[in-house]
Full PDB file with SEQRES, HELIX, SHEET, SSBOND, CRYST1, ORIGX, SCALE, CONECT and MASTER records, all heavy atoms in Angstrom:
SEQRES   1 A   42  SER GLU ALA ARG SER LYS LEU ASN ASP TYR VAL THR ALA          
SEQRES   2 A   42  VAL LYS SER ILE LYS PRO ILE VAL LYS HIS LEU SER GLU          
SEQRES   3 A   42  MET ASP LYS GLU LEU GLU HIS ILE GLY GLN VAL THR THR          
SEQRES   4 A   42  VAL GLY ASP                                                  
HELIX    1 AA1 GLU A    2  LYS A   15  1                                  14    
HELIX    2 AA2 ILE A   17  GLY A   35  1                                  19    
CRYST1    1.000    1.000    1.000  90.00  90.00  90.00 P 1           1          
ORIGX1      1.000000  0.000000  0.000000        0.00000                         
ORIGX2      0.000000  1.000000  0.000000        0.00000                         
ORIGX3      0.000000  0.000000  1.000000        0.00000                         
SCALE1      1.000000  0.000000  0.000000        0.00000                         
SCALE2      0.000000  1.000000  0.000000        0.00000                         
SCALE3      0.000000  0.000000  1.000000        0.00000                         
ATOM      1  N   SER A   1      22.080   8.389  20.390  1.00  0.00           N  
ATOM      2  CA  SER A   1      22.445   7.915  19.020  1.00  0.00           C  
ATOM      3  C   SER A   1      21.601   6.665  18.675  1.00  0.00           C  
ATOM      4  O   SER A   1      21.143   6.580  17.514  1.00  0.00           O  
ATOM      5  CB  SER A   1      23.944   7.616  18.910  1.00  0.00           C  
ATOM      6  OG  SER A   1      24.250   6.594  19.821  1.00  0.00           O  
ATOM      7  N   GLU A   2      21.361   5.790  19.698  1.00  0.00           N  
ATOM      8  CA  GLU A   2      20.455   4.644  19.384  1.00  0.00           C  
ATOM      9  C   GLU A   2      19.060   5.095  19.090  1.00  0.00           C  
ATOM     10  O   GLU A   2      18.407   4.587  18.219  1.00  0.00           O  
ATOM     11  CB  GLU A   2      20.528   3.751  20.574  1.00  0.00           C  
ATOM     12  CG  GLU A   2      21.838   2.945  20.767  1.00  0.00           C  
ATOM     13  CD  GLU A   2      21.759   1.986  21.959  1.00  0.00           C  
ATOM     14  OE1 GLU A   2      20.713   1.878  22.537  1.00  0.00           O  
ATOM     15  OE2 GLU A   2      22.758   1.377  22.244  1.00  0.00           O  
ATOM     16  N   ALA A   3      18.638   6.136  19.844  1.00  0.00           N  
ATOM     17  CA  ALA A   3      17.277   6.618  19.648  1.00  0.00           C  
ATOM     18  C   ALA A   3      17.108   7.184  18.238  1.00  0.00           C  
ATOM     19  O   ALA A   3      16.099   6.969  17.529  1.00  0.00           O  
ATOM     20  CB  ALA A   3      16.947   7.639  20.707  1.00  0.00           C  
ATOM     21  N   ARG A   4      18.115   7.964  17.782  1.00  0.00           N  
ATOM     22  CA  ARG A   4      18.090   8.540  16.510  1.00  0.00           C  
ATOM     23  C   ARG A   4      18.201   7.493  15.399  1.00  0.00           C  
ATOM     24  O   ARG A   4      17.469   7.571  14.356  1.00  0.00           O  
ATOM     25  CB  ARG A   4      19.213   9.525  16.354  1.00  0.00           C  
ATOM     26  CG  ARG A   4      19.039  10.841  16.976  1.00  0.00           C  
ATOM     27  CD  ARG A   4      20.278  11.668  17.043  1.00  0.00           C  
ATOM     28  NE  ARG A   4      20.081  12.984  17.642  1.00  0.00           N  
ATOM     29  CZ  ARG A   4      20.972  13.781  18.089  1.00  0.00           C  
ATOM     30  NH1 ARG A   4      22.239  13.421  18.016  1.00  0.00           N  
ATOM     31  NH2 ARG A   4      20.757  14.955  18.655  1.00  0.00           N  
ATOM     32  N   SER A   5      18.870   6.448  15.591  1.00  0.00           N  
ATOM     33  CA  SER A   5      19.048   5.328  14.633  1.00  0.00           C  
ATOM     34  C   SER A   5      17.654   4.572  14.473  1.00  0.00           C  
ATOM     35  O   SER A   5      17.199   4.308  13.455  1.00  0.00           O  
ATOM     36  CB  SER A   5      20.103   4.361  15.091  1.00  0.00           C  
ATOM     37  OG  SER A   5      20.104   3.228  14.185  1.00  0.00           O  
ATOM     38  N   LYS A   6      16.979   4.369  15.638  1.00  0.00           N  
ATOM     39  CA  LYS A   6      15.702   3.727  15.677  1.00  0.00           C  
ATOM     40  C   LYS A   6      14.720   4.643  14.991  1.00  0.00           C  
ATOM     41  O   LYS A   6      13.797   4.117  14.239  1.00  0.00           O  
ATOM     42  CB  LYS A   6      15.300   3.371  17.072  1.00  0.00           C  
ATOM     43  CG  LYS A   6      13.977   2.572  17.208  1.00  0.00           C  
ATOM     44  CD  LYS A   6      14.026   1.301  16.512  1.00  0.00           C  
ATOM     45  CE  LYS A   6      14.831   0.239  17.181  1.00  0.00           C  
ATOM     46  NZ  LYS A   6      14.700  -1.102  16.509  1.00  0.00           N  
ATOM     47  N   LEU A   7      14.800   5.927  15.264  1.00  0.00           N  
ATOM     48  CA  LEU A   7      13.854   6.782  14.621  1.00  0.00           C  
ATOM     49  C   LEU A   7      13.965   6.811  13.055  1.00  0.00           C  
ATOM     50  O   LEU A   7      12.998   6.864  12.426  1.00  0.00           O  
ATOM     51  CB  LEU A   7      14.048   8.237  15.194  1.00  0.00           C  
ATOM     52  CG  LEU A   7      13.252   9.388  14.557  1.00  0.00           C  
ATOM     53  CD1 LEU A   7      11.741   9.123  14.717  1.00  0.00           C  
ATOM     54  CD2 LEU A   7      13.638  10.764  15.052  1.00  0.00           C  
ATOM     55  N   ASN A   8      15.203   6.749  12.630  1.00  0.00           N  
ATOM     56  CA  ASN A   8      15.500   6.708  11.138  1.00  0.00           C  
ATOM     57  C   ASN A   8      14.796   5.410  10.562  1.00  0.00           C  
ATOM     58  O   ASN A   8      14.255   5.457   9.518  1.00  0.00           O  
ATOM     59  CB  ASN A   8      16.959   6.657  10.878  1.00  0.00           C  
ATOM     60  CG  ASN A   8      17.619   8.023  11.094  1.00  0.00           C  
ATOM     61  OD1 ASN A   8      16.876   9.060  10.963  1.00  0.00           O  
ATOM     62  ND2 ASN A   8      18.863   8.055  11.409  1.00  0.00           N  
ATOM     63  N   ASP A   9      14.919   4.294  11.375  1.00  0.00           N  
ATOM     64  CA  ASP A   9      14.262   3.103  10.870  1.00  0.00           C  
ATOM     65  C   ASP A   9      12.758   3.242  10.700  1.00  0.00           C  
ATOM     66  O   ASP A   9      12.136   2.760   9.792  1.00  0.00           O  
ATOM     67  CB  ASP A   9      14.540   1.906  11.892  1.00  0.00           C  
ATOM     68  CG  ASP A   9      16.024   1.482  11.884  1.00  0.00           C  
ATOM     69  OD1 ASP A   9      16.671   1.855  10.948  1.00  0.00           O  
ATOM     70  OD2 ASP A   9      16.453   0.843  12.853  1.00  0.00           O  
ATOM     71  N   TYR A  10      12.183   3.980  11.743  1.00  0.00           N  
ATOM     72  CA  TYR A  10      10.691   4.132  11.763  1.00  0.00           C  
ATOM     73  C   TYR A  10      10.298   5.178  10.634  1.00  0.00           C  
ATOM     74  O   TYR A  10       9.243   4.972  10.079  1.00  0.00           O  
ATOM     75  CB  TYR A  10      10.169   4.572  13.119  1.00  0.00           C  
ATOM     76  CG  TYR A  10       9.720   3.402  13.936  1.00  0.00           C  
ATOM     77  CD1 TYR A  10      10.697   2.706  14.678  1.00  0.00           C  
ATOM     78  CD2 TYR A  10       8.476   2.902  13.937  1.00  0.00           C  
ATOM     79  CE1 TYR A  10      10.365   1.579  15.500  1.00  0.00           C  
ATOM     80  CE2 TYR A  10       8.086   1.805  14.746  1.00  0.00           C  
ATOM     81  CZ  TYR A  10       9.002   1.136  15.456  1.00  0.00           C  
ATOM     82  OH  TYR A  10       8.595   0.046  16.207  1.00  0.00           O  
ATOM     83  N   VAL A  11      11.118   6.140  10.451  1.00  0.00           N  
ATOM     84  CA  VAL A  11      10.879   7.179   9.377  1.00  0.00           C  
ATOM     85  C   VAL A  11      10.865   6.428   8.072  1.00  0.00           C  
ATOM     86  O   VAL A  11       9.924   6.659   7.181  1.00  0.00           O  
ATOM     87  CB  VAL A  11      11.907   8.237   9.399  1.00  0.00           C  
ATOM     88  CG1 VAL A  11      11.824   9.113   8.122  1.00  0.00           C  
ATOM     89  CG2 VAL A  11      11.788   9.118  10.661  1.00  0.00           C  
ATOM     90  N   THR A  12      11.785   5.532   7.826  1.00  0.00           N  
ATOM     91  CA  THR A  12      11.847   4.806   6.570  1.00  0.00           C  
ATOM     92  C   THR A  12      10.612   3.845   6.455  1.00  0.00           C  
ATOM     93  O   THR A  12      10.032   3.746   5.333  1.00  0.00           O  
ATOM     94  CB  THR A  12      13.128   3.842   6.593  1.00  0.00           C  
ATOM     95  OG1 THR A  12      14.294   4.685   6.684  1.00  0.00           O  
ATOM     96  CG2 THR A  12      13.213   3.101   5.276  1.00  0.00           C  
ATOM     97  N   ALA A  13      10.208   3.219   7.583  1.00  0.00           N  
ATOM     98  CA  ALA A  13       9.042   2.402   7.591  1.00  0.00           C  
ATOM     99  C   ALA A  13       7.754   3.219   7.298  1.00  0.00           C  
ATOM    100  O   ALA A  13       6.856   2.733   6.487  1.00  0.00           O  
ATOM    101  CB  ALA A  13       8.899   1.685   8.913  1.00  0.00           C  
ATOM    102  N   VAL A  14       7.650   4.360   7.831  1.00  0.00           N  
ATOM    103  CA  VAL A  14       6.533   5.230   7.536  1.00  0.00           C  
ATOM    104  C   VAL A  14       6.516   5.646   6.088  1.00  0.00           C  
ATOM    105  O   VAL A  14       5.408   5.722   5.448  1.00  0.00           O  
ATOM    106  CB  VAL A  14       6.525   6.460   8.519  1.00  0.00           C  
ATOM    107  CG1 VAL A  14       5.499   7.548   8.045  1.00  0.00           C  
ATOM    108  CG2 VAL A  14       6.193   6.109   9.905  1.00  0.00           C  
ATOM    109  N   LYS A  15       7.717   5.939   5.515  1.00  0.00           N  
ATOM    110  CA  LYS A  15       7.732   6.358   4.116  1.00  0.00           C  
ATOM    111  C   LYS A  15       7.250   5.225   3.212  1.00  0.00           C  
ATOM    112  O   LYS A  15       6.708   5.493   2.071  1.00  0.00           O  
ATOM    113  CB  LYS A  15       9.154   6.757   3.764  1.00  0.00           C  
ATOM    114  CG  LYS A  15       9.552   8.121   4.267  1.00  0.00           C  
ATOM    115  CD  LYS A  15      10.962   8.444   3.800  1.00  0.00           C  
ATOM    116  CE  LYS A  15      11.400   9.832   4.403  1.00  0.00           C  
ATOM    117  NZ  LYS A  15      12.725  10.191   4.025  1.00  0.00           N  
ATOM    118  N   SER A  16       7.479   3.950   3.666  1.00  0.00           N  
ATOM    119  CA  SER A  16       7.038   2.850   2.824  1.00  0.00           C  
ATOM    120  C   SER A  16       5.515   2.663   2.777  1.00  0.00           C  
ATOM    121  O   SER A  16       5.017   1.867   1.990  1.00  0.00           O  
ATOM    122  CB  SER A  16       7.630   1.469   3.378  1.00  0.00           C  
ATOM    123  OG  SER A  16       7.061   1.089   4.587  1.00  0.00           O  
ATOM    124  N   ILE A  17       4.753   3.400   3.525  1.00  0.00           N  
ATOM    125  CA  ILE A  17       3.304   3.292   3.541  1.00  0.00           C  
ATOM    126  C   ILE A  17       2.748   3.893   2.294  1.00  0.00           C  
ATOM    127  O   ILE A  17       1.755   3.405   1.750  1.00  0.00           O  
ATOM    128  CB  ILE A  17       2.693   4.140   4.827  1.00  0.00           C  
ATOM    129  CG1 ILE A  17       3.124   3.372   6.154  1.00  0.00           C  
ATOM    130  CG2 ILE A  17       1.178   4.139   4.672  1.00  0.00           C  
ATOM    131  CD1 ILE A  17       2.706   4.146   7.367  1.00  0.00           C  
ATOM    132  N   LYS A  18       3.421   4.936   1.758  1.00  0.00           N  
ATOM    133  CA  LYS A  18       2.867   5.705   0.567  1.00  0.00           C  
ATOM    134  C   LYS A  18       2.682   4.710  -0.604  1.00  0.00           C  
ATOM    135  O   LYS A  18       1.630   4.719  -1.178  1.00  0.00           O  
ATOM    136  CB  LYS A  18       3.781   6.826   0.247  1.00  0.00           C  
ATOM    137  CG  LYS A  18       3.305   7.721  -0.817  1.00  0.00           C  
ATOM    138  CD  LYS A  18       4.108   8.934  -1.049  1.00  0.00           C  
ATOM    139  CE  LYS A  18       3.526   9.867  -2.167  1.00  0.00           C  
ATOM    140  NZ  LYS A  18       4.403  11.015  -2.326  1.00  0.00           N  
ATOM    141  N   PRO A  19       3.700   3.925  -1.034  1.00  0.00           N  
ATOM    142  CA  PRO A  19       3.478   3.066  -2.164  1.00  0.00           C  
ATOM    143  C   PRO A  19       2.435   1.985  -1.903  1.00  0.00           C  
ATOM    144  O   PRO A  19       1.724   1.495  -2.783  1.00  0.00           O  
ATOM    145  CB  PRO A  19       4.869   2.436  -2.383  1.00  0.00           C  
ATOM    146  CG  PRO A  19       5.669   2.632  -1.120  1.00  0.00           C  
ATOM    147  CD  PRO A  19       5.105   3.893  -0.550  1.00  0.00           C  
ATOM    148  N   ILE A  20       2.264   1.590  -0.605  1.00  0.00           N  
ATOM    149  CA  ILE A  20       1.233   0.604  -0.281  1.00  0.00           C  
ATOM    150  C   ILE A  20      -0.156   1.181  -0.433  1.00  0.00           C  
ATOM    151  O   ILE A  20      -1.091   0.529  -0.948  1.00  0.00           O  
ATOM    152  CB  ILE A  20       1.439   0.101   1.232  1.00  0.00           C  
ATOM    153  CG1 ILE A  20       2.726  -0.573   1.369  1.00  0.00           C  
ATOM    154  CG2 ILE A  20       0.246  -0.778   1.609  1.00  0.00           C  
ATOM    155  CD1 ILE A  20       2.926  -1.771   0.461  1.00  0.00           C  
ATOM    156  N   VAL A  21      -0.311   2.436  -0.083  1.00  0.00           N  
ATOM    157  CA  VAL A  21      -1.581   3.140  -0.323  1.00  0.00           C  
ATOM    158  C   VAL A  21      -1.875   3.100  -1.869  1.00  0.00           C  
ATOM    159  O   VAL A  21      -3.022   2.908  -2.332  1.00  0.00           O  
ATOM    160  CB  VAL A  21      -1.571   4.547   0.148  1.00  0.00           C  
ATOM    161  CG1 VAL A  21      -2.778   5.343  -0.218  1.00  0.00           C  
ATOM    162  CG2 VAL A  21      -1.396   4.534   1.745  1.00  0.00           C  
ATOM    163  N   LYS A  22      -0.876   3.399  -2.667  1.00  0.00           N  
ATOM    164  CA  LYS A  22      -1.029   3.453  -4.089  1.00  0.00           C  
ATOM    165  C   LYS A  22      -1.376   2.008  -4.649  1.00  0.00           C  
ATOM    166  O   LYS A  22      -2.260   1.926  -5.505  1.00  0.00           O  
ATOM    167  CB  LYS A  22       0.308   3.917  -4.750  1.00  0.00           C  
ATOM    168  CG  LYS A  22       0.165   4.019  -6.298  1.00  0.00           C  
ATOM    169  CD  LYS A  22       1.527   4.518  -6.901  1.00  0.00           C  
ATOM    170  CE  LYS A  22       1.382   4.655  -8.361  1.00  0.00           C  
ATOM    171  NZ  LYS A  22       2.700   5.118  -8.926  1.00  0.00           N  
ATOM    172  N   HIS A  23      -0.765   1.014  -4.101  1.00  0.00           N  
ATOM    173  CA  HIS A  23      -1.072  -0.433  -4.485  1.00  0.00           C  
ATOM    174  C   HIS A  23      -2.559  -0.656  -4.184  1.00  0.00           C  
ATOM    175  O   HIS A  23      -3.282  -1.324  -4.990  1.00  0.00           O  
ATOM    176  CB  HIS A  23      -0.154  -1.421  -3.750  1.00  0.00           C  
ATOM    177  CG  HIS A  23       1.216  -1.300  -4.157  1.00  0.00           C  
ATOM    178  ND1 HIS A  23       1.667  -0.809  -5.423  1.00  0.00           N  
ATOM    179  CD2 HIS A  23       2.359  -1.709  -3.555  1.00  0.00           C  
ATOM    180  CE1 HIS A  23       2.984  -0.872  -5.493  1.00  0.00           C  
ATOM    181  NE2 HIS A  23       3.430  -1.412  -4.404  1.00  0.00           N  
ATOM    182  N   LEU A  24      -3.020  -0.278  -2.978  1.00  0.00           N  
ATOM    183  CA  LEU A  24      -4.410  -0.554  -2.610  1.00  0.00           C  
ATOM    184  C   LEU A  24      -5.371   0.171  -3.534  1.00  0.00           C  
ATOM    185  O   LEU A  24      -6.408  -0.440  -3.867  1.00  0.00           O  
ATOM    186  CB  LEU A  24      -4.672  -0.179  -1.169  1.00  0.00           C  
ATOM    187  CG  LEU A  24      -3.967  -1.058  -0.081  1.00  0.00           C  
ATOM    188  CD1 LEU A  24      -4.083  -0.389   1.300  1.00  0.00           C  
ATOM    189  CD2 LEU A  24      -4.721  -2.420  -0.122  1.00  0.00           C  
ATOM    190  N   SER A  25      -4.997   1.343  -3.908  1.00  0.00           N  
ATOM    191  CA  SER A  25      -5.851   2.100  -4.849  1.00  0.00           C  
ATOM    192  C   SER A  25      -5.899   1.437  -6.282  1.00  0.00           C  
ATOM    193  O   SER A  25      -6.963   1.304  -6.873  1.00  0.00           O  
ATOM    194  CB  SER A  25      -5.252   3.481  -5.062  1.00  0.00           C  
ATOM    195  OG  SER A  25      -6.028   4.252  -6.031  1.00  0.00           O  
ATOM    196  N   GLU A  26      -4.687   0.896  -6.690  1.00  0.00           N  
ATOM    197  CA  GLU A  26      -4.681   0.215  -7.931  1.00  0.00           C  
ATOM    198  C   GLU A  26      -5.462  -1.147  -7.844  1.00  0.00           C  
ATOM    199  O   GLU A  26      -6.163  -1.488  -8.833  1.00  0.00           O  
ATOM    200  CB  GLU A  26      -3.192  -0.131  -8.322  1.00  0.00           C  
ATOM    201  CG  GLU A  26      -2.434   1.132  -8.725  1.00  0.00           C  
ATOM    202  CD  GLU A  26      -0.958   0.789  -8.961  1.00  0.00           C  
ATOM    203  OE1 GLU A  26      -0.553  -0.384  -8.661  1.00  0.00           O  
ATOM    204  OE2 GLU A  26      -0.268   1.749  -9.300  1.00  0.00           O  
ATOM    205  N   MET A  27      -5.423  -1.792  -6.683  1.00  0.00           N  
ATOM    206  CA  MET A  27      -6.204  -3.090  -6.502  1.00  0.00           C  
ATOM    207  C   MET A  27      -7.711  -2.715  -6.671  1.00  0.00           C  
ATOM    208  O   MET A  27      -8.479  -3.479  -7.219  1.00  0.00           O  
ATOM    209  CB  MET A  27      -5.904  -3.586  -5.126  1.00  0.00           C  
ATOM    210  CG  MET A  27      -4.526  -4.358  -5.052  1.00  0.00           C  
ATOM    211  SD  MET A  27      -4.085  -4.790  -3.368  1.00  0.00           S  
ATOM    212  CE  MET A  27      -5.318  -6.015  -2.974  1.00  0.00           C  
ATOM    213  N   ASP A  28      -8.121  -1.587  -6.174  1.00  0.00           N  
ATOM    214  CA  ASP A  28      -9.491  -1.249  -6.194  1.00  0.00           C  
ATOM    215  C   ASP A  28      -9.927  -0.989  -7.665  1.00  0.00           C  
ATOM    216  O   ASP A  28     -11.023  -1.354  -8.094  1.00  0.00           O  
ATOM    217  CB  ASP A  28      -9.754   0.070  -5.253  1.00  0.00           C  
ATOM    218  CG  ASP A  28     -11.257   0.351  -5.174  1.00  0.00           C  
ATOM    219  OD1 ASP A  28     -12.028  -0.491  -4.813  1.00  0.00           O  
ATOM    220  OD2 ASP A  28     -11.586   1.502  -5.579  1.00  0.00           O  
ATOM    221  N   LYS A  29      -9.088  -0.331  -8.360  1.00  0.00           N  
ATOM    222  CA  LYS A  29      -9.330  -0.096  -9.781  1.00  0.00           C  
ATOM    223  C   LYS A  29      -9.366  -1.385 -10.579  1.00  0.00           C  
ATOM    224  O   LYS A  29     -10.284  -1.609 -11.436  1.00  0.00           O  
ATOM    225  CB  LYS A  29      -8.243   0.829 -10.361  1.00  0.00           C  
ATOM    226  CG  LYS A  29      -8.300   2.228  -9.951  1.00  0.00           C  
ATOM    227  CD  LYS A  29      -7.179   3.041 -10.525  1.00  0.00           C  
ATOM    228  CE  LYS A  29      -7.127   4.468 -10.007  1.00  0.00           C  
ATOM    229  NZ  LYS A  29      -6.031   5.268 -10.481  1.00  0.00           N  
ATOM    230  N   GLU A  30      -8.438  -2.313 -10.268  1.00  0.00           N  
ATOM    231  CA  GLU A  30      -8.519  -3.605 -10.969  1.00  0.00           C  
ATOM    232  C   GLU A  30      -9.779  -4.325 -10.608  1.00  0.00           C  
ATOM    233  O   GLU A  30     -10.361  -5.071 -11.509  1.00  0.00           O  
ATOM    234  CB  GLU A  30      -7.257  -4.447 -10.546  1.00  0.00           C  
ATOM    235  CG  GLU A  30      -5.911  -3.788 -10.960  1.00  0.00           C  
ATOM    236  CD  GLU A  30      -5.698  -3.781 -12.345  1.00  0.00           C  
ATOM    237  OE1 GLU A  30      -6.530  -4.203 -13.228  1.00  0.00           O  
ATOM    238  OE2 GLU A  30      -4.605  -3.090 -12.792  1.00  0.00           O  
ATOM    239  N   LEU A  31     -10.186  -4.261  -9.394  1.00  0.00           N  
ATOM    240  CA  LEU A  31     -11.398  -4.938  -8.956  1.00  0.00           C  
ATOM    241  C   LEU A  31     -12.623  -4.435  -9.696  1.00  0.00           C  
ATOM    242  O   LEU A  31     -13.497  -5.189 -10.182  1.00  0.00           O  
ATOM    243  CB  LEU A  31     -11.592  -4.694  -7.469  1.00  0.00           C  
ATOM    244  CG  LEU A  31     -12.644  -5.664  -6.717  1.00  0.00           C  
ATOM    245  CD1 LEU A  31     -12.199  -7.097  -6.679  1.00  0.00           C  
ATOM    246  CD2 LEU A  31     -12.844  -5.119  -5.283  1.00  0.00           C  
ATOM    247  N   GLU A  32     -12.700  -3.050  -9.844  1.00  0.00           N  
ATOM    248  CA  GLU A  32     -13.785  -2.452 -10.595  1.00  0.00           C  
ATOM    249  C   GLU A  32     -13.725  -2.920 -12.069  1.00  0.00           C  
ATOM    250  O   GLU A  32     -14.845  -3.217 -12.659  1.00  0.00           O  
ATOM    251  CB  GLU A  32     -13.626  -0.938 -10.503  1.00  0.00           C  
ATOM    252  CG  GLU A  32     -14.752  -0.183 -11.129  1.00  0.00           C  
ATOM    253  CD  GLU A  32     -14.597   1.241 -11.031  1.00  0.00           C  
ATOM    254  OE1 GLU A  32     -13.676   1.717 -10.360  1.00  0.00           O  
ATOM    255  OE2 GLU A  32     -15.435   2.025 -11.682  1.00  0.00           O  
ATOM    256  N   HIS A  33     -12.581  -2.977 -12.649  1.00  0.00           N  
ATOM    257  CA  HIS A  33     -12.439  -3.423 -14.069  1.00  0.00           C  
ATOM    258  C   HIS A  33     -12.904  -4.859 -14.230  1.00  0.00           C  
ATOM    259  O   HIS A  33     -13.623  -5.189 -15.153  1.00  0.00           O  
ATOM    260  CB  HIS A  33     -11.030  -3.280 -14.491  1.00  0.00           C  
ATOM    261  CG  HIS A  33     -10.730  -3.697 -15.872  1.00  0.00           C  
ATOM    262  ND1 HIS A  33     -11.192  -2.916 -17.008  1.00  0.00           N  
ATOM    263  CD2 HIS A  33     -10.099  -4.746 -16.426  1.00  0.00           C  
ATOM    264  CE1 HIS A  33     -10.853  -3.489 -18.106  1.00  0.00           C  
ATOM    265  NE2 HIS A  33     -10.168  -4.650 -17.870  1.00  0.00           N  
ATOM    266  N   ILE A  34     -12.553  -5.785 -13.250  1.00  0.00           N  
ATOM    267  CA  ILE A  34     -12.901  -7.221 -13.358  1.00  0.00           C  
ATOM    268  C   ILE A  34     -14.453  -7.276 -13.193  1.00  0.00           C  
ATOM    269  O   ILE A  34     -15.101  -8.045 -13.896  1.00  0.00           O  
ATOM    270  CB  ILE A  34     -12.222  -8.014 -12.235  1.00  0.00           C  
ATOM    271  CG1 ILE A  34     -10.704  -8.024 -12.524  1.00  0.00           C  
ATOM    272  CG2 ILE A  34     -12.838  -9.365 -12.202  1.00  0.00           C  
ATOM    273  CD1 ILE A  34      -9.883  -8.497 -11.345  1.00  0.00           C  
ATOM    274  N   GLY A  35     -14.986  -6.530 -12.305  1.00  0.00           N  
ATOM    275  CA  GLY A  35     -16.465  -6.544 -12.030  1.00  0.00           C  
ATOM    276  C   GLY A  35     -17.331  -6.135 -13.157  1.00  0.00           C  
ATOM    277  O   GLY A  35     -18.493  -6.440 -13.171  1.00  0.00           O  
ATOM    278  N   GLN A  36     -16.761  -5.337 -14.143  1.00  0.00           N  
ATOM    279  CA  GLN A  36     -17.516  -5.038 -15.294  1.00  0.00           C  
ATOM    280  C   GLN A  36     -17.740  -6.161 -16.301  1.00  0.00           C  
ATOM    281  O   GLN A  36     -18.574  -6.064 -17.169  1.00  0.00           O  
ATOM    282  CB  GLN A  36     -16.853  -3.798 -16.020  1.00  0.00           C  
ATOM    283  CG  GLN A  36     -16.836  -2.557 -15.147  1.00  0.00           C  
ATOM    284  CD  GLN A  36     -16.037  -1.445 -15.816  1.00  0.00           C  
ATOM    285  OE1 GLN A  36     -15.387  -1.700 -16.852  1.00  0.00           O  
ATOM    286  NE2 GLN A  36     -16.133  -0.204 -15.212  1.00  0.00           N  
ATOM    287  N   VAL A  37     -16.915  -7.172 -16.169  1.00  0.00           N  
ATOM    288  CA  VAL A  37     -16.943  -8.267 -17.115  1.00  0.00           C  
ATOM    289  C   VAL A  37     -17.359  -9.526 -16.465  1.00  0.00           C  
ATOM    290  O   VAL A  37     -18.188 -10.336 -17.002  1.00  0.00           O  
ATOM    291  CB  VAL A  37     -15.603  -8.405 -17.839  1.00  0.00           C  
ATOM    292  CG1 VAL A  37     -15.584  -9.583 -18.802  1.00  0.00           C  
ATOM    293  CG2 VAL A  37     -15.165  -7.123 -18.461  1.00  0.00           C  
ATOM    294  N   THR A  38     -16.781  -9.851 -15.327  1.00  0.00           N  
ATOM    295  CA  THR A  38     -17.024 -11.140 -14.670  1.00  0.00           C  
ATOM    296  C   THR A  38     -17.230 -10.895 -13.176  1.00  0.00           C  
ATOM    297  O   THR A  38     -17.196  -9.759 -12.687  1.00  0.00           O  
ATOM    298  CB  THR A  38     -15.890 -12.100 -14.849  1.00  0.00           C  
ATOM    299  OG1 THR A  38     -14.700 -11.545 -14.169  1.00  0.00           O  
ATOM    300  CG2 THR A  38     -15.573 -12.504 -16.341  1.00  0.00           C  
ATOM    301  N   THR A  39     -17.457 -12.000 -12.392  1.00  0.00           N  
ATOM    302  CA  THR A  39     -17.560 -11.847 -10.959  1.00  0.00           C  
ATOM    303  C   THR A  39     -16.142 -11.643 -10.399  1.00  0.00           C  
ATOM    304  O   THR A  39     -15.160 -12.027 -10.959  1.00  0.00           O  
ATOM    305  CB  THR A  39     -18.148 -13.159 -10.361  1.00  0.00           C  
ATOM    306  OG1 THR A  39     -18.214 -12.954  -8.912  1.00  0.00           O  
ATOM    307  CG2 THR A  39     -17.317 -14.442 -10.685  1.00  0.00           C  
ATOM    308  N   VAL A  40     -16.136 -10.962  -9.206  1.00  0.00           N  
ATOM    309  CA  VAL A  40     -14.796 -10.737  -8.636  1.00  0.00           C  
ATOM    310  C   VAL A  40     -14.398 -11.768  -7.641  1.00  0.00           C  
ATOM    311  O   VAL A  40     -13.346 -11.730  -7.086  1.00  0.00           O  
ATOM    312  CB  VAL A  40     -14.781  -9.380  -7.938  1.00  0.00           C  
ATOM    313  CG1 VAL A  40     -14.993  -8.276  -9.004  1.00  0.00           C  
ATOM    314  CG2 VAL A  40     -15.872  -9.243  -6.822  1.00  0.00           C  
ATOM    315  N   GLY A  41     -15.338 -12.763  -7.385  1.00  0.00           N  
ATOM    316  CA  GLY A  41     -15.045 -13.843  -6.451  1.00  0.00           C  
ATOM    317  C   GLY A  41     -14.708 -13.327  -5.043  1.00  0.00           C  
ATOM    318  O   GLY A  41     -15.468 -12.466  -4.462  1.00  0.00           O  
ATOM    319  N   ASP A  42     -13.610 -13.805  -4.481  1.00  0.00           N  
ATOM    320  CA  ASP A  42     -13.241 -13.420  -3.077  1.00  0.00           C  
ATOM    321  C   ASP A  42     -12.287 -12.245  -3.087  1.00  0.00           C  
ATOM    322  O   ASP A  42     -11.646 -11.984  -2.105  1.00  0.00           O  
ATOM    323  CB  ASP A  42     -12.592 -14.596  -2.337  1.00  0.00           C  
ATOM    324  CG  ASP A  42     -11.369 -15.062  -2.999  1.00  0.00           C  
ATOM    325  OD1 ASP A  42     -11.087 -14.705  -4.170  1.00  0.00           O  
ATOM    326  OD2 ASP A  42     -10.564 -15.831  -2.353  1.00  0.00           O  
TER     327      ASP A  42                                                      
MASTER        0    0    0    2    0    0    0    6  326    1    0    4          
END                                                                             
């Protein structure tokens, strides 16, 4: 039962990766948009 509980925690953690991938994709788009007008700095 402890193993199943820990597995559920990791399944939840793995599911949280998907929105992070989406955020990184949006960051790349924002970076491209900024680069068309000004420098992107760091």
